Amino acid sequence: MTTQALHPTTAYKILTASQWAQFQTDGVFLGAPVDVADGYIHLSTADQLRETLDKHFSGQIALVIAEVDLAALADSVKWEVSRGGALFPHIYGSLPMSAILGIAQPPV
């Protein structure tokens, strides 16, 4: 069993409405400003999503949550220690629209 098999097969990217619109136009997402600055695209697992929304997107409206198929991204996904010592999925590269399984509005 590989280490990757121990992790969820999907994760979530939180996008502003304008980022989502640009993603749809381009067919690829290169990252939000924080992603570009850090050198990878930040994702959250289902269990991490609420805390990420509260910590980084509090008070923002018109957000889109994109469900990402991590298997489609293969080796570009690295699981790394982040907030609170938890492992978070990070994409080292771009996020193609073909890896998006669906979208949702943030939970209230």
PDB file of N, CA and C in Angstrom:
ATOM      1  N   MET A   1       0.852  -1.182   0.000  1.00  0.00           N
ATOM      2  CA  MET A   1       0.000   0.000   0.000  1.00  0.00           C
ATOM      3  C   MET A   1       0.893   1.239   0.000  1.00  0.00           C
ATOM      4  N   THR A   2       0.583   2.188  -0.859  1.00  0.00           N
ATOM      5  CA  THR A   2       1.359   3.420  -0.923  1.00  0.00           C
ATOM      6  C   THR A   2       0.843   4.423   0.095  1.00  0.00           C
ATOM      7  N   THR A   3       1.661   5.405   0.393  1.00  0.00           N
ATOM      8  CA  THR A   3       1.237   6.458   1.313  1.00  0.00           C
ATOM      9  C   THR A   3       0.020   7.186   0.767  1.00  0.00           C
ATOM     10  N   GLN A   4      -0.001   7.412  -0.540  1.00  0.00           N
ATOM     11  CA  GLN A   4      -1.119   8.124  -1.165  1.00  0.00           C
ATOM     12  C   GLN A   4      -2.440   7.405  -0.900  1.00  0.00           C
ATOM     13  N   ALA A   5      -2.415   6.073  -0.828  1.00  0.00           N
ATOM     14  CA  ALA A   5      -3.637   5.308  -0.605  1.00  0.00           C
ATOM     15  C   ALA A   5      -4.225   5.574   0.774  1.00  0.00           C
ATOM     16  N   LEU A   6      -3.442   6.104   1.694  1.00  0.00           N
ATOM     17  CA  LEU A   6      -3.922   6.397   3.037  1.00  0.00           C
ATOM     18  C   LEU A   6      -4.684   7.710   3.119  1.00  0.00           C
ATOM     19  N   HIS A   7      -4.645   8.489   2.066  1.00  0.00           N
ATOM     20  CA  HIS A   7      -5.272   9.804   2.043  1.00  0.00           C
ATOM     21  C   HIS A   7      -6.572   9.761   1.245  1.00  0.00           C
ATOM     22  N   PRO A   8      -7.460  10.752   1.484  1.00  0.00           N
ATOM     23  CA  PRO A   8      -8.691  10.844   0.685  1.00  0.00           C
ATOM     24  C   PRO A   8      -8.360  10.983  -0.805  1.00  0.00           C
ATOM     25  N   THR A   9      -9.287  10.564  -1.630  1.00  0.00           N
ATOM     26  CA  THR A   9      -9.084  10.661  -3.083  1.00  0.00           C
ATOM     27  C   THR A   9      -9.614  11.966  -3.651  1.00  0.00           C
ATOM     28  N   THR A  10     -10.317  12.728  -2.822  1.00  0.00           N
ATOM     29  CA  THR A  10     -10.792  14.043  -3.245  1.00  0.00           C
ATOM     30  C   THR A  10     -10.413  15.078  -2.194  1.00  0.00           C
ATOM     31  N   ALA A  11     -10.327  16.321  -2.643  1.00  0.00           N
ATOM     32  CA  ALA A  11     -10.083  17.455  -1.750  1.00  0.00           C
ATOM     33  C   ALA A  11     -10.820  18.647  -2.350  1.00  0.00           C
ATOM     34  N   TYR A  12     -10.716  19.797  -1.706  1.00  0.00           N
ATOM     35  CA  TYR A  12     -11.506  20.956  -2.097  1.00  0.00           C
ATOM     36  C   TYR A  12     -10.647  22.199  -2.230  1.00  0.00           C
ATOM     37  N   LYS A  13     -10.936  22.969  -3.273  1.00  0.00           N
ATOM     38  CA  LYS A  13     -10.309  24.268  -3.480  1.00  0.00           C
ATOM     39  C   LYS A  13     -11.388  25.327  -3.349  1.00  0.00           C
ATOM     40  N   ILE A  14     -11.155  26.291  -2.489  1.00  0.00           N
ATOM     41  CA  ILE A  14     -12.097  27.394  -2.304  1.00  0.00           C
ATOM     42  C   ILE A  14     -11.663  28.529  -3.222  1.00  0.00           C
ATOM     43  N   LEU A  15     -12.600  28.988  -4.030  1.00  0.00           N
ATOM     44  CA  LEU A  15     -12.322  30.027  -5.019  1.00  0.00           C
ATOM     45  C   LEU A  15     -13.312  31.172  -4.869  1.00  0.00           C
ATOM     46  N   THR A  16     -12.858  32.377  -5.175  1.00  0.00           N
ATOM     47  CA  THR A  16     -13.794  33.494  -5.277  1.00  0.00           C
ATOM     48  C   THR A  16     -14.564  33.332  -6.584  1.00  0.00           C
ATOM     49  N   ALA A  17     -15.653  34.050  -6.706  1.00  0.00           N
ATOM     50  CA  ALA A  17     -16.439  33.973  -7.938  1.00  0.00           C
ATOM     51  C   ALA A  17     -15.605  34.384  -9.148  1.00  0.00           C
ATOM     52  N   SER A  18     -14.773  35.403  -8.999  1.00  0.00           N
ATOM     53  CA  SER A  18     -13.956  35.851 -10.132  1.00  0.00           C
ATOM     54  C   SER A  18     -12.876  34.827 -10.470  1.00  0.00           C
ATOM     55  N   GLN A  19     -12.296  34.181  -9.472  1.00  0.00           N
ATOM     56  CA  GLN A  19     -11.319  33.121  -9.743  1.00  0.00           C
ATOM     57  C   GLN A  19     -11.985  31.952 -10.468  1.00  0.00           C
ATOM     58  N   TRP A  20     -13.192  31.589 -10.028  1.00  0.00           N
ATOM     59  CA  TRP A  20     -13.921  30.495 -10.674  1.00  0.00           C
ATOM     60  C   TRP A  20     -14.246  30.847 -12.124  1.00  0.00           C
ATOM     61  N   ALA A  21     -14.691  32.063 -12.364  1.00  0.00           N
ATOM     62  CA  ALA A  21     -15.017  32.494 -13.727  1.00  0.00           C
ATOM     63  C   ALA A  21     -13.784  32.428 -14.622  1.00  0.00           C
ATOM     64  N   GLN A  22     -12.645  32.874 -14.108  1.00  0.00           N
ATOM     65  CA  GLN A  22     -11.402  32.820 -14.883  1.00  0.00           C
ATOM     66  C   GLN A  22     -10.975  31.378 -15.126  1.00  0.00           C
ATOM     67  N   PHE A  23     -11.147  30.526 -14.137  1.00  0.00           N
ATOM     68  CA  PHE A  23     -10.840  29.100 -14.250  1.00  0.00           C
ATOM     69  C   PHE A  23     -11.678  28.481 -15.374  1.00  0.00           C
ATOM     70  N   GLN A  24     -12.954  28.811 -15.397  1.00  0.00           N
ATOM     71  CA  GLN A  24     -13.840  28.285 -16.445  1.00  0.00           C
ATOM     72  C   GLN A  24     -13.391  28.766 -17.829  1.00  0.00           C
ATOM     73  N   THR A  25     -13.009  30.009 -17.934  1.00  0.00           N
ATOM     74  CA  THR A  25     -12.554  30.570 -19.205  1.00  0.00           C
ATOM     75  C   THR A  25     -11.255  29.928 -19.676  1.00  0.00           C
ATOM     76  N   ASP A  26     -10.299  29.812 -18.752  1.00  0.00           N
ATOM     77  CA  ASP A  26      -8.965  29.313 -19.095  1.00  0.00           C
ATOM     78  C   ASP A  26      -8.881  27.797 -19.180  1.00  0.00           C
ATOM     79  N   GLY A  27      -9.744  27.106 -18.425  1.00  0.00           N
ATOM     80  CA  GLY A  27      -9.689  25.646 -18.375  1.00  0.00           C
ATOM     81  C   GLY A  27      -8.604  25.128 -17.457  1.00  0.00           C
ATOM     82  N   VAL A  28      -7.885  26.035 -16.805  1.00  0.00           N
ATOM     83  CA  VAL A  28      -6.816  25.673 -15.883  1.00  0.00           C
ATOM     84  C   VAL A  28      -6.705  26.770 -14.825  1.00  0.00           C
ATOM     85  N   PHE A  29      -6.412  26.362 -13.599  1.00  0.00           N
ATOM     86  CA  PHE A  29      -6.237  27.312 -12.504  1.00  0.00           C
ATOM     87  C   PHE A  29      -4.780  27.268 -12.077  1.00  0.00           C
ATOM     88  N   LEU A  30      -4.138  28.426 -12.096  1.00  0.00           N
ATOM     89  CA  LEU A  30      -2.724  28.514 -11.752  1.00  0.00           C
ATOM     90  C   LEU A  30      -2.497  28.910 -10.299  1.00  0.00           C
ATOM     91  N   GLY A  31      -3.577  29.258  -9.611  1.00  0.00           N
ATOM     92  CA  GLY A  31      -3.486  29.573  -8.199  1.00  0.00           C
ATOM     93  C   GLY A  31      -3.963  30.962  -7.857  1.00  0.00           C
ATOM     94  N   ALA A  32      -4.458  31.081  -6.630  1.00  0.00           N
ATOM     95  CA  ALA A  32      -4.803  32.376  -6.057  1.00  0.00           C
ATOM     96  C   ALA A  32      -3.499  33.064  -5.650  1.00  0.00           C
ATOM     97  N   PRO A  33      -3.536  34.351  -5.341  1.00  0.00           N
ATOM     98  CA  PRO A  33      -2.301  35.032  -4.947  1.00  0.00           C
ATOM     99  C   PRO A  33      -1.519  34.308  -3.839  1.00  0.00           C
ATOM    100  N   VAL A  34      -2.191  33.783  -2.835  1.00  0.00           N
ATOM    101  CA  VAL A  34      -1.495  33.061  -1.762  1.00  0.00           C
ATOM    102  C   VAL A  34      -0.848  31.785  -2.287  1.00  0.00           C
ATOM    103  N   ASP A  35      -1.505  31.118  -3.233  1.00  0.00           N
ATOM    104  CA  ASP A  35      -0.936  29.905  -3.827  1.00  0.00           C
ATOM    105  C   ASP A  35       0.342  30.228  -4.593  1.00  0.00           C
ATOM    106  N   VAL A  36       0.265  31.260  -5.406  1.00  0.00           N
ATOM    107  CA  VAL A  36       1.426  31.672  -6.206  1.00  0.00           C
ATOM    108  C   VAL A  36       2.591  32.056  -5.287  1.00  0.00           C
ATOM    109  N   ALA A  37       2.280  32.790  -4.218  1.00  0.00           N
ATOM    110  CA  ALA A  37       3.320  33.212  -3.274  1.00  0.00           C
ATOM    111  C   ALA A  37       3.965  32.015  -2.579  1.00  0.00           C
ATOM    112  N   ASP A  38       3.166  30.992  -2.259  1.00  0.00           N
ATOM    113  CA  ASP A  38       3.677  29.828  -1.535  1.00  0.00           C
ATOM    114  C   ASP A  38       4.288  28.771  -2.460  1.00  0.00           C
ATOM    115  N   GLY A  39       4.003  28.859  -3.750  1.00  0.00           N
ATOM    116  CA  GLY A  39       4.590  27.914  -4.697  1.00  0.00           C
ATOM    117  C   GLY A  39       3.781  26.648  -4.926  1.00  0.00           C
ATOM    118  N   TYR A  40       2.564  26.606  -4.429  1.00  0.00           N
ATOM    119  CA  TYR A  40       1.684  25.452  -4.635  1.00  0.00           C
ATOM    120  C   TYR A  40       0.243  25.889  -4.416  1.00  0.00           C
ATOM    121  N   ILE A  41      -0.692  25.086  -4.925  1.00  0.00           N
ATOM    122  CA  ILE A  41      -2.118  25.381  -4.757  1.00  0.00           C
ATOM    123  C   ILE A  41      -2.612  24.682  -3.493  1.00  0.00           C
ATOM    124  N   HIS A  42      -3.145  25.479  -2.583  1.00  0.00           N
ATOM    125  CA  HIS A  42      -3.674  24.972  -1.312  1.00  0.00           C
ATOM    126  C   HIS A  42      -5.015  24.277  -1.526  1.00  0.00           C
ATOM    127  N   LEU A  43      -5.168  23.106  -0.934  1.00  0.00           N
ATOM    128  CA  LEU A  43      -6.442  22.395  -0.912  1.00  0.00           C
ATOM    129  C   LEU A  43      -6.752  22.020   0.530  1.00  0.00           C
ATOM    130  N   SER A  44      -7.991  21.628   0.766  1.00  0.00           N
ATOM    131  CA  SER A  44      -8.411  21.133   2.072  1.00  0.00           C
ATOM    132  C   SER A  44      -9.194  19.847   1.879  1.00  0.00           C
ATOM    133  N   THR A  45      -9.091  18.947   2.838  1.00  0.00           N
ATOM    134  CA  THR A  45      -9.930  17.751   2.826  1.00  0.00           C
ATOM    135  C   THR A  45     -11.321  18.150   3.313  1.00  0.00           C
ATOM    136  N   ALA A  46     -12.259  17.233   3.218  1.00  0.00           N
ATOM    137  CA  ALA A  46     -13.616  17.505   3.691  1.00  0.00           C
ATOM    138  C   ALA A  46     -13.604  17.878   5.170  1.00  0.00           C
ATOM    139  N   ASP A  47     -12.783  17.198   5.957  1.00  0.00           N
ATOM    140  CA  ASP A  47     -12.708  17.475   7.395  1.00  0.00           C
ATOM    141  C   ASP A  47     -12.049  18.816   7.708  1.00  0.00           C
ATOM    142  N   GLN A  48     -11.240  19.328   6.816  1.00  0.00           N
ATOM    143  CA  GLN A  48     -10.519  20.586   7.028  1.00  0.00           C
ATOM    144  C   GLN A  48     -11.253  21.797   6.444  1.00  0.00           C
ATOM    145  N   LEU A  49     -12.244  21.551   5.632  1.00  0.00           N
ATOM    146  CA  LEU A  49     -12.892  22.608   4.851  1.00  0.00           C
ATOM    147  C   LEU A  49     -13.504  23.712   5.711  1.00  0.00           C
ATOM    148  N   ARG A  50     -14.278  23.343   6.716  1.00  0.00           N
ATOM    149  CA  ARG A  50     -14.959  24.359   7.547  1.00  0.00           C
ATOM    150  C   ARG A  50     -13.942  25.286   8.206  1.00  0.00           C
ATOM    151  N   GLU A  51     -12.879  24.745   8.760  1.00  0.00           N
ATOM    152  CA  GLU A  51     -11.866  25.576   9.429  1.00  0.00           C
ATOM    153  C   GLU A  51     -11.143  26.476   8.426  1.00  0.00           C
ATOM    154  N   THR A  52     -10.877  25.958   7.238  1.00  0.00           N
ATOM    155  CA  THR A  52     -10.239  26.781   6.199  1.00  0.00           C
ATOM    156  C   THR A  52     -11.150  27.938   5.803  1.00  0.00           C
ATOM    157  N   LEU A  53     -12.427  27.658   5.630  1.00  0.00           N
ATOM    158  CA  LEU A  53     -13.383  28.725   5.310  1.00  0.00           C
ATOM    159  C   LEU A  53     -13.393  29.780   6.412  1.00  0.00           C
ATOM    160  N   ASP A  54     -13.482  29.335   7.658  1.00  0.00           N
ATOM    161  CA  ASP A  54     -13.547  30.272   8.787  1.00  0.00           C
ATOM    162  C   ASP A  54     -12.273  31.090   8.928  1.00  0.00           C
ATOM    163  N   LYS A  55     -11.126  30.464   8.722  1.00  0.00           N
ATOM    164  CA  LYS A  55      -9.837  31.126   8.939  1.00  0.00           C
ATOM    165  C   LYS A  55      -9.451  32.066   7.799  1.00  0.00           C
ATOM    166  N   HIS A  56      -9.701  31.651   6.567  1.00  0.00           N
ATOM    167  CA  HIS A  56      -9.176  32.407   5.416  1.00  0.00           C
ATOM    168  C   HIS A  56     -10.238  33.112   4.565  1.00  0.00           C
ATOM    169  N   PHE A  57     -11.523  32.779   4.771  1.00  0.00           N
ATOM    170  CA  PHE A  57     -12.562  33.339   3.901  1.00  0.00           C
ATOM    171  C   PHE A  57     -13.729  33.922   4.690  1.00  0.00           C
ATOM    172  N   SER A  58     -13.540  34.172   5.965  1.00  0.00           N
ATOM    173  CA  SER A  58     -14.602  34.689   6.818  1.00  0.00           C
ATOM    174  C   SER A  58     -15.168  35.991   6.254  1.00  0.00           C
ATOM    175  N   GLY A  59     -16.474  36.051   6.162  1.00  0.00           N
ATOM    176  CA  GLY A  59     -17.145  37.259   5.699  1.00  0.00           C
ATOM    177  C   GLY A  59     -17.201  37.420   4.192  1.00  0.00           C
ATOM    178  N   GLN A  60     -16.511  36.577   3.456  1.00  0.00           N
ATOM    179  CA  GLN A  60     -16.539  36.682   1.996  1.00  0.00           C
ATOM    180  C   GLN A  60     -17.803  36.011   1.461  1.00  0.00           C
ATOM    181  N   ILE A  61     -18.322  36.588   0.406  1.00  0.00           N
ATOM    182  CA  ILE A  61     -19.511  36.018  -0.227  1.00  0.00           C
ATOM    183  C   ILE A  61     -19.149  35.563  -1.641  1.00  0.00           C
ATOM    184  N   ALA A  62     -20.063  34.859  -2.263  1.00  0.00           N
ATOM    185  CA  ALA A  62     -19.902  34.394  -3.640  1.00  0.00           C
ATOM    186  C   ALA A  62     -18.669  33.497  -3.799  1.00  0.00           C
ATOM    187  N   LEU A  63     -18.477  32.608  -2.842  1.00  0.00           N
ATOM    188  CA  LEU A  63     -17.386  31.643  -2.944  1.00  0.00           C
ATOM    189  C   LEU A  63     -17.865  30.379  -3.650  1.00  0.00           C
ATOM    190  N   VAL A  64     -16.952  29.707  -4.304  1.00  0.00           N
ATOM    191  CA  VAL A  64     -17.234  28.435  -4.963  1.00  0.00           C
ATOM    192  C   VAL A  64     -16.269  27.408  -4.387  1.00  0.00           C
ATOM    193  N   ILE A  65     -16.793  26.256  -4.043  1.00  0.00           N
ATOM    194  CA  ILE A  65     -15.954  25.163  -3.565  1.00  0.00           C
ATOM    195  C   ILE A  65     -15.888  24.126  -4.671  1.00  0.00           C
ATOM    196  N   ALA A  66     -14.693  23.915  -5.196  1.00  0.00           N
ATOM    197  CA  ALA A  66     -14.488  22.944  -6.271  1.00  0.00           C
ATOM    198  C   ALA A  66     -13.961  21.647  -5.671  1.00  0.00           C
ATOM    199  N   GLU A  67     -14.646  20.550  -5.980  1.00  0.00           N
ATOM    200  CA  GLU A  67     -14.193  19.231  -5.540  1.00  0.00           C
ATOM    201  C   GLU A  67     -13.166  18.721  -6.543  1.00  0.00           C
ATOM    202  N   VAL A  68     -11.982  18.382  -6.049  1.00  0.00           N
ATOM    203  CA  VAL A  68     -10.850  18.024  -6.890  1.00  0.00           C
ATOM    204  C   VAL A  68     -10.575  16.525  -6.793  1.00  0.00           C
ATOM    205  N   ASP A  69     -10.440  15.889  -7.944  1.00  0.00           N
ATOM    206  CA  ASP A  69     -10.066  14.478  -8.031  1.00  0.00           C
ATOM    207  C   ASP A  69      -8.549  14.390  -7.908  1.00  0.00           C
ATOM    208  N   LEU A  70      -8.075  13.997  -6.747  1.00  0.00           N
ATOM    209  CA  LEU A  70      -6.631  13.966  -6.509  1.00  0.00           C
ATOM    210  C   LEU A  70      -5.929  12.898  -7.345  1.00  0.00           C
ATOM    211  N   ALA A  71      -6.613  11.813  -7.632  1.00  0.00           N
ATOM    212  CA  ALA A  71      -6.005  10.759  -8.454  1.00  0.00           C
ATOM    213  C   ALA A  71      -5.679  11.278  -9.848  1.00  0.00           C
ATOM    214  N   ALA A  72      -6.494  12.187 -10.359  1.00  0.00           N
ATOM    215  CA  ALA A  72      -6.253  12.740 -11.699  1.00  0.00           C
ATOM    216  C   ALA A  72      -4.989  13.598 -11.730  1.00  0.00           C
ATOM    217  N   LEU A  73      -4.547  14.053 -10.568  1.00  0.00           N
ATOM    218  CA  LEU A  73      -3.372  14.924 -10.493  1.00  0.00           C
ATOM    219  C   LEU A  73      -2.102  14.145 -10.162  1.00  0.00           C
ATOM    220  N   ALA A  74      -2.271  12.894  -9.796  1.00  0.00           N
ATOM    221  CA  ALA A  74      -1.165  11.960  -9.542  1.00  0.00           C
ATOM    222  C   ALA A  74      -0.071  12.559  -8.670  1.00  0.00           C
ATOM    223  N   ASP A  75       1.143  12.556  -9.177  1.00  0.00           N
ATOM    224  CA  ASP A  75       2.315  12.938  -8.380  1.00  0.00           C
ATOM    225  C   ASP A  75       2.454  14.441  -8.137  1.00  0.00           C
ATOM    226  N   SER A  76       1.585  15.253  -8.724  1.00  0.00           N
ATOM    227  CA  SER A  76       1.686  16.690  -8.459  1.00  0.00           C
ATOM    228  C   SER A  76       1.092  17.046  -7.096  1.00  0.00           C
ATOM    229  N   VAL A  77       0.385  16.085  -6.456  1.00  0.00           N
ATOM    230  CA  VAL A  77      -0.188  16.316  -5.129  1.00  0.00           C
ATOM    231  C   VAL A  77       0.781  15.805  -4.067  1.00  0.00           C
ATOM    232  N   LYS A  78       1.101  16.682  -3.150  1.00  0.00           N
ATOM    233  CA  LYS A  78       1.949  16.334  -2.013  1.00  0.00           C
ATOM    234  C   LYS A  78       1.162  16.619  -0.736  1.00  0.00           C
ATOM    235  N   TRP A  79       1.232  15.690   0.195  1.00  0.00           N
ATOM    236  CA  TRP A  79       0.593  15.863   1.501  1.00  0.00           C
ATOM    237  C   TRP A  79       1.642  16.410   2.452  1.00  0.00           C
ATOM    238  N   GLU A  80       1.373  17.608   2.988  1.00  0.00           N
ATOM    239  CA  GLU A  80       2.365  18.279   3.817  1.00  0.00           C
ATOM    240  C   GLU A  80       1.742  18.807   5.106  1.00  0.00           C
ATOM    241  N   VAL A  81       2.552  18.834   6.133  1.00  0.00           N
ATOM    242  CA  VAL A  81       2.104  19.332   7.431  1.00  0.00           C
ATOM    243  C   VAL A  81       1.834  20.821   7.333  1.00  0.00           C
ATOM    244  N   SER A  82       0.688  21.214   7.866  1.00  0.00           N
ATOM    245  CA  SER A  82       0.304  22.618   7.857  1.00  0.00           C
ATOM    246  C   SER A  82      -0.407  22.921   9.172  1.00  0.00           C
ATOM    247  N   ARG A  83      -1.478  23.657   9.102  1.00  0.00           N
ATOM    248  CA  ARG A  83      -2.222  24.136  10.268  1.00  0.00           C
ATOM    249  C   ARG A  83      -2.434  23.034  11.319  1.00  0.00           C
ATOM    250  N   GLY A  84      -1.975  23.294  12.516  1.00  0.00           N
ATOM    251  CA  GLY A  84      -2.201  22.379  13.623  1.00  0.00           C
ATOM    252  C   GLY A  84      -1.501  21.036  13.481  1.00  0.00           C
ATOM    253  N   GLY A  85      -0.518  20.956  12.607  1.00  0.00           N
ATOM    254  CA  GLY A  85       0.200  19.706  12.409  1.00  0.00           C
ATOM    255  C   GLY A  85      -0.509  18.717  11.499  1.00  0.00           C
ATOM    256  N   ALA A  86      -1.658  19.114  10.955  1.00  0.00           N
ATOM    257  CA  ALA A  86      -2.418  18.221  10.071  1.00  0.00           C
ATOM    258  C   ALA A  86      -1.795  18.185   8.674  1.00  0.00           C
ATOM    259  N   LEU A  87      -1.975  17.065   7.992  1.00  0.00           N
ATOM    260  CA  LEU A  87      -1.522  16.941   6.608  1.00  0.00           C
ATOM    261  C   LEU A  87      -2.562  17.544   5.678  1.00  0.00           C
ATOM    262  N   PHE A  88      -2.101  18.442   4.808  1.00  0.00           N
ATOM    263  CA  PHE A  88      -2.971  19.075   3.818  1.00  0.00           C
ATOM    264  C   PHE A  88      -2.474  18.713   2.428  1.00  0.00           C
ATOM    265  N   PRO A  89      -3.389  18.552   1.465  1.00  0.00           N
ATOM    266  CA  PRO A  89      -2.963  18.301   0.089  1.00  0.00           C
ATOM    267  C   PRO A  89      -2.589  19.614  -0.605  1.00  0.00           C
ATOM    268  N   HIS A  90      -1.443  19.608  -1.257  1.00  0.00           N
ATOM    269  CA  HIS A  90      -0.954  20.765  -2.011  1.00  0.00           C
ATOM    270  C   HIS A  90      -0.651  20.308  -3.427  1.00  0.00           C
ATOM    271  N   ILE A  91      -1.048  21.116  -4.400  1.00  0.00           N
ATOM    272  CA  ILE A  91      -0.769  20.811  -5.802  1.00  0.00           C
ATOM    273  C   ILE A  91       0.452  21.603  -6.238  1.00  0.00           C
ATOM    274  N   TYR A  92       1.471  20.902  -6.665  1.00  0.00           N
ATOM    275  CA  TYR A  92       2.661  21.531  -7.217  1.00  0.00           C
ATOM    276  C   TYR A  92       2.514  21.501  -8.735  1.00  0.00           C
ATOM    277  N   GLY A  93       1.932  22.534  -9.266  1.00  0.00           N
ATOM    278  CA  GLY A  93       1.621  22.636 -10.682  1.00  0.00           C
ATOM    279  C   GLY A  93       0.272  23.300 -10.832  1.00  0.00           C
ATOM    280  N   SER A  94      -0.310  23.151 -11.981  1.00  0.00           N
ATOM    281  CA  SER A  94      -1.610  23.769 -12.248  1.00  0.00           C
ATOM    282  C   SER A  94      -2.738  22.787 -11.947  1.00  0.00           C
ATOM    283  N   LEU A  95      -3.924  23.324 -11.828  1.00  0.00           N
ATOM    284  CA  LEU A  95      -5.135  22.534 -11.594  1.00  0.00           C
ATOM    285  C   LEU A  95      -5.983  22.600 -12.858  1.00  0.00           C
ATOM    286  N   PRO A  96      -6.075  21.497 -13.618  1.00  0.00           N
ATOM    287  CA  PRO A  96      -6.882  21.516 -14.834  1.00  0.00           C
ATOM    288  C   PRO A  96      -8.372  21.327 -14.515  1.00  0.00           C
ATOM    289  N   MET A  97      -9.217  21.906 -15.329  1.00  0.00           N
ATOM    290  CA  MET A  97     -10.653  21.757 -15.147  1.00  0.00           C
ATOM    291  C   MET A  97     -11.062  20.282 -15.198  1.00  0.00           C
ATOM    292  N   SER A  98     -10.323  19.473 -15.933  1.00  0.00           N
ATOM    293  CA  SER A  98     -10.651  18.052 -16.043  1.00  0.00           C
ATOM    294  C   SER A  98     -10.552  17.313 -14.704  1.00  0.00           C
ATOM    295  N   ALA A  99      -9.884  17.897 -13.709  1.00  0.00           N
ATOM    296  CA  ALA A  99      -9.764  17.276 -12.390  1.00  0.00           C
ATOM    297  C   ALA A  99     -10.881  17.713 -11.431  1.00  0.00           C
ATOM    298  N   ILE A 100     -11.778  18.551 -11.909  1.00  0.00           N
ATOM    299  CA  ILE A 100     -12.877  19.033 -11.061  1.00  0.00           C
ATOM    300  C   ILE A 100     -14.065  18.086 -11.201  1.00  0.00           C
ATOM    301  N   LEU A 101     -14.490  17.536 -10.057  1.00  0.00           N
ATOM    302  CA  LEU A 101     -15.611  16.589 -10.030  1.00  0.00           C
ATOM    303  C   LEU A 101     -16.962  17.303  -9.911  1.00  0.00           C
ATOM    304  N   GLY A 102     -16.948  18.490  -9.322  1.00  0.00           N
ATOM    305  CA  GLY A 102     -18.188  19.238  -9.124  1.00  0.00           C
ATOM    306  C   GLY A 102     -17.901  20.469  -8.291  1.00  0.00           C
ATOM    307  N   ILE A 103     -18.931  21.284  -8.113  1.00  0.00           N
ATOM    308  CA  ILE A 103     -18.795  22.502  -7.312  1.00  0.00           C
ATOM    309  C   ILE A 103     -19.973  22.607  -6.364  1.00  0.00           C
ATOM    310  N   ALA A 104     -19.776  23.402  -5.321  1.00  0.00           N
ATOM    311  CA  ALA A 104     -20.823  23.644  -4.337  1.00  0.00           C
ATOM    312  C   ALA A 104     -20.641  25.028  -3.750  1.00  0.00           C
ATOM    313  N   GLN A 105     -21.674  25.522  -3.154  1.00  0.00           N
ATOM    314  CA  GLN A 105     -21.587  26.754  -2.381  1.00  0.00           C
ATOM    315  C   GLN A 105     -21.100  26.381  -0.984  1.00  0.00           C
ATOM    316  N   PRO A 106     -20.405  27.274  -0.299  1.00  0.00           N
ATOM    317  CA  PRO A 106     -19.950  26.963   1.053  1.00  0.00           C
ATOM    318  C   PRO A 106     -21.122  26.686   1.978  1.00  0.00           C
ATOM    319  N   PRO A 107     -20.934  25.787   2.928  1.00  0.00           N
ATOM    320  CA  PRO A 107     -21.986  25.560   3.922  1.00  0.00           C
ATOM    321  C   PRO A 107     -22.147  26.800   4.798  1.00  0.00           C
ATOM    322  N   VAL A 108     -23.341  27.015   5.292  1.00  0.00           N
ATOM    323  CA  VAL A 108     -23.592  28.183   6.147  1.00  0.00           C
ATOM    324  C   VAL A 108     -23.451  27.824   7.593  1.00  0.00           C
TER     325      VAL A 108
END
